[in-house]
Every structure is written in structure tokens, then in C-alpha cells.
Amino acid sequence: MESEDTKKIQEMKTDLNLLLECLKYQMDNPFSQKEALVTIHSICQQNSNAGVYFREIGGLMFVRNLAKSSEHSMVKEAALYTLGAVAEQNVYCQQTLCTSELFEDLTWFLSNNDSNTNLKRMSVYVILVLVSNNRTGQTLVRETGCITVLTQLFRTVLSKYELNLSDKNIFQSYQLWSSVCSTLCVCVNNPQNDENQMLCCSLFPHANDWLINCVKPEVIRPVCSFIGLTLANNTYVQKYFISVGGLDILSQVLVQLESDSHKTLSSAKLAVVVTKTVDACIADNPTFGVILSKYQIVSKLLTLLLHESLDSGEKFSIILTLGHCTEDCEENQYDLFKNNGLPLMIQALTESHNEELNKAATFVLHNCKKITEKLCLSLGEYSFDENEKQLEDINTKEKNLEDYWKKAKEILHRIEQLEREGNEEKIQREKYKDNVSSMKINIQNTLKHLHADSIGGGPKAEDKDKSQSRKLQSYKSHGILSTACTNDHQMKTLLKSANPVNACYRESGQNKTLCKANSSDSKNLHEGITFEKKNSVSQSSDHVFKPPIPVVKNRKQELPVTDPFTLCSDIINKEVISFLATDSHSKMLKYRCSGCIAVGKSLNSRNFSKLLHSCPYQCDRHKVIVEAEDRYKSELRKSLICNKKFLLTPRRRRQLSSESTTSGEIIMEPFGKTVSVR
């Protein structure tokens, strides 16, 4: 691949060397020189490095001298065309050719009456290339007097305002005039050159004549480009242009083009070009917007904005012009409201994804803020230095103006409200997540304390019960507590589905459930809490948990108890029952673990195991004991059976297997001893 590129570069260099030799040795043959120059131009257009090499071998300076010294016009034209192409492709070639000598030669070609139109066009083309993006070139074009010759050509090349481009001569003159306009544009701008702008502003009266007498795209586009770039960012030139009636003429042309835009698409596009020029006139002098109010330019721009053929860039130019029109002119602001401009700006702001267009629409809305406040207070107080009678006539004709403003204000208020609601929702979601996480931790701690109180029953049980009541009140304030069971059937169902000692809740009205403790895993007694909200209908106060109130037993019907074990059992029973009680239902829960109730009875290792196995309601402590005992029995049974199988005959082994399956508690040891497995 590299070898091919190297080969092409070598061939290019060989061709340029041969062509340069051809130019030198074919001085008497203008046709050969012209063909050689055209070929050099083609090579330099295809390869940017070709121009650099052509400059290194001295070809660039030779072609420049050839353009000056040749007696043949066709050779001069071809030489200038080649110089312009090489300088356009390579900035080093541009700097090499950017000399006062070359500008003087080009000025002579333009001012010489013997030079034909095509030679002048090639000279203007070289000036355009040398000045473009080159401040040195802008300075030389002014100091050598070349810009003066260009302004003279702008005035004299086209003598008639009625262009007949079908005529060959007129068409060539128009091409020269158009090239002069483009060259003047780069002389005053890119980069901006204030001195050249001051020189070119003398052409404004002639440009105004063209705008008035020839409303054609071939004239409007170059003239508007020249005017816009000449007065851009230069307040002095802008004031001069307005003083010679330029802004009035642009307004008239814009009104005419806007009316024609409903018929032809080209008129709409051309109206946007004029709009950009108007914007350049008032961008640095917003007070000049008063001139535009005489021609109702704001209403014309709003109508033009609705044209379907315009793209986002063209709409941006129109909205930006509206912004400069309404920046410091109440008349234009009033016209914007009167012609339903505010809803259009809001629509453009909400529907468009173009950032620049949104900024321009915001600019317009900001400009109309003050007059909006005036119209909101009272339409009758708004005045443009007119008498009250005329103001009443305006208010009578514009009855719907206040309605337009109210609608726009509602839209803006709705947008702000949606933004506030979105921010509040984010804050509420963050607070809800924090509350849920802290609530889960608090409820898990509550259940752990309840479980410890139910098992330990220490001297501080009453204090813990009070603390649990306070926690339940705090949960209620957050709307987290479930509803209680409201009848005996619901209470019994709760007792059957959960362990009473663990005090787990289950809501029957809204399906809000607190997961009960897993009795099969002693290491993880509490798994979590799940809330599933099906409806938001508020329940009656009878179904909502309130802080538990201890229920006092009817002690008159009970016998005095002196056994300390029975008293401890009663205290535990009282705590659990008072915790599960409600205001409307104060029944006692008497279903307790048999191992806890029979504390004062005479128990041993045999009857206590049977008692626990026969109990349908076991507390966590006794349930763990029973499960551990069962696992121990199972392991012991397996080990004993395995050891016997090595000492017994097949008959006794089968008998032992049948006995172990039927009995499950009596196992014969190999040496005749009997072991009772509990």
C-alpha cells in the first residue's frame, strides 16, 4: 500500500516537472500553454500536496509572472485560474502569493478597459482567494486601492435593473457582478475588518436601488449578503444604513415577499434571507425596531414562521429576529401579543429539540415579560402615547387579546406546576425509602423485644410493655399498623395460623401482613415484613390497632395463688394477652404451651417429653427442645441398628427390623439389655 502511494507521488512530481518545462519552452504556443496550465490545475485539485511541490520547484512564481507578461488573454486567464486554485487548496501557497505586487497587477487588470469580462472574473477570483480568512490580504486589498476598483465595478457592471439572463453578454456581466459582491463580502468580514466596512458602506444607496427595482433571487441574495456582512457588529455603519433608508426598504421588500410566499416556495426562502439582513441591522441597536412597527413586520414574521417549507435553521432566524424586534420596543411587543405570537413561542419552545431555537424562543418570552405584567393588571392602562379615545377603540377591536394572554399564562403555569410536582415526587420517594428502611429495623427490634419478654418475663416486663406501646404509636403515625381482628372467629384464626408467643400480626381487611417467625430455623426467627396495599379506602376506627391497654382480670372469681411458678406463668400470660387485646375486644388468650403451664407439676424426663409431644401449641424454646430430642433419637436408633446387624443372625435381624418399625421406642441391645429411647 505504501509503495503504491509512493509511486503515485513520484508520478505526480514527474508530471509537474514536465508540465513546467512545457510552459517554459512553449512561449510561442498559447494553446499548448493553456492546456498545460489546465492540467496543472487539475493535478493540484486532486492532490493538496501537489501545490506545495509546485511551489518548491518554482512553478508558482513562474505562472504568476506568466499571467503578467503574456500577451495572450487566454494564457492570462488560465494562469490566474491556476493561481487561484493552488492558493485555495494550500494556505502556504496563499501566503506566498499574498503580495502587494500581485494585488497591483490584479487591480490593473480590473481597471483596464481592454480587459475582457472573463479576465476580470479570473482577477476577482484570485482576489477572493487571497483575501478569504486572511487579514493580511484584507489590508493589502485596501492599501493597493483594489477595493476601490471593486466598489466601482459593483456600481457599473450592471447598468439595467431588468436582467435578461438569457442574453449571453448580460449573463457574463451578471457573473462578474456576483463575483464582485462575494469578494466585497470577504473583504469586510471573516475576519471582520472595520476599515473595509467603512469603505464599503458608500455602496448602500446603490444597493437600496437594486432592492427596490429588482426583487429577484439573483439580485436579492448577493445584495443582502453584502449588506448584512458590511454592517455586522458595527453600530456606525448600521446607523448610516438606516439613515439612508435601508431598513425601510428592507421592510418593504420583506412585506412583498411574505405576501408572495403563499404562492411560491422561492419567495418564502427569499423572505428568510431578507429577515436575516433585517436582524443584522437591529441586533446592536434594538431601538431601531420602532421603524419595523410601521410596516407590522412582527405580524409578517409570525405568518412566515408558520410556513411548512421552512426548516429549523430558517425558523431560528425568524424567531431570533422577533427577539431583537421586541427587545426594546413595546409596539412590537404589543403586535406579538395581538397576533397570537406568545402561544407560537411556547409551542416552538415545547415541540422543538433544537437548542438554539429554544434559546431564541426563550429570548422572545423574556422580552415580553414587562408588557405582559401591564396587560395582566389592566389593558386600559397600557398606552402608546395615544389619547384615551383611540385606546378605547384599540381595546374594542382587540377583545380577544386578554383571552390569548390568559391561555398563555395558564400554559406557563402548568409547565411550572409539572416541574414542581416532579421535584416533589422525587423528594417523597427518597423520604419513603428512608422511612421504610428505618421502619423495618424498628419493627424487627420490637419483635425481638416481645420475644424476649415472653420467654424471660423479668422484673422489667411492664416497662418493656410500655416502650412497645410507644413504638406502636409511632408506627401508627406513619400509617403502617395493620387492622386488628374484630371477632372471636378472627382471633381464633390468628392463633391457629401463628405462634401466640411471638405476637405476629396479620391484617384481614387490607392484606397487610407481618411475616411470622420461622419456627423451623432457630437462627433466623424473623425474616421480614411485607406490605401489600390493595386499596386506599380508609377503614373505620374499630378496625385499626390502637396502643394496647392492659386488661384487668376479674380477681374475685379466682382463688388465691401462692405457687411462685404459677404466678410467673400468670404474669407471662397477662403480658401476651394484654399485648394482643383491643379496645373493643378484650378476651383473654388461654391457649398456651403445655410445657410452660405445667411448671409447678411433678415432672421427669419421661412424662415431660410425652407432655411436649402432645401439646398442639409449643413455644419456640420447647419446640427447639422437642426437635433436638427427635433428632437425637433418630441418630441413636440408626447407630444401634447398624451395630446389631453385624452380631445377629438373619432371622433375628428381620425380627429386629419389624420390631423397630412397629415399636419405635424399644430397642434390644446385643447383650440382652433393653434401652428406652425417648
Foldseek 3Di string as FASTA:
>chain_A
DVVVVVVVVVVLLVLLVVLLVQCVPVLVPLVSLLVSLVVLLVSCLVPLVSLVSCVVVPNLVVLLVCLQPRPDLSSVLSSLQSLLSNCQSDVVSLVVCLDLVSLLSLLCLLPDPPRDLSSVQSSLSSLQSSLALDVSSLVSCVVSCVLVSLLVLLQPLDDDLDQDCVDPSSVSSLSSNLSSLSSLLSSCPNPHDLVSLVVNLVCLVVLLVSLVRHLDPSNLQSSLSSLLSSLAPPLVSLVVNVVSVNLVSLLVSLVVLLVCCVPDVVSLVSSLSSLLSNCRSQVVPLVVLVSNLVSLVLLSLVSSLPDPVDDPVSNLSSLLSLLSSLQPDVSSLVSCLLNLNLVVLVCCLPPDPDPSSNVSSVSNVVSNPVVLVVVVVPQQVDDPPDDSVVSVVVCVVRVCSSVSSVVSVVVVVVVVVVVVVVVVVVVVVVVVVVVVVVLFVVVVVLLVLLLCCLPPVDPCSVVNLVVSLVVVVVCVVVVQFAFADDDPVRVVVVVVVAALSSPFDAHDPFRFGQDAFDLVDPVGGHDTGDGDGDDDDDDDPNGTAHRFDQDDDPCVVDDDDDDVLQVSLVSSQRSSQSRRAGPNGRDGDDQDQQLSNCPPPDDDPPVSLVSNVPRPRHDSVVVVVNVVLVVVLVVVVVVQLVVVVVPDDPVVNVVQVVCCVVPVFWHAHPVGDIDGRD
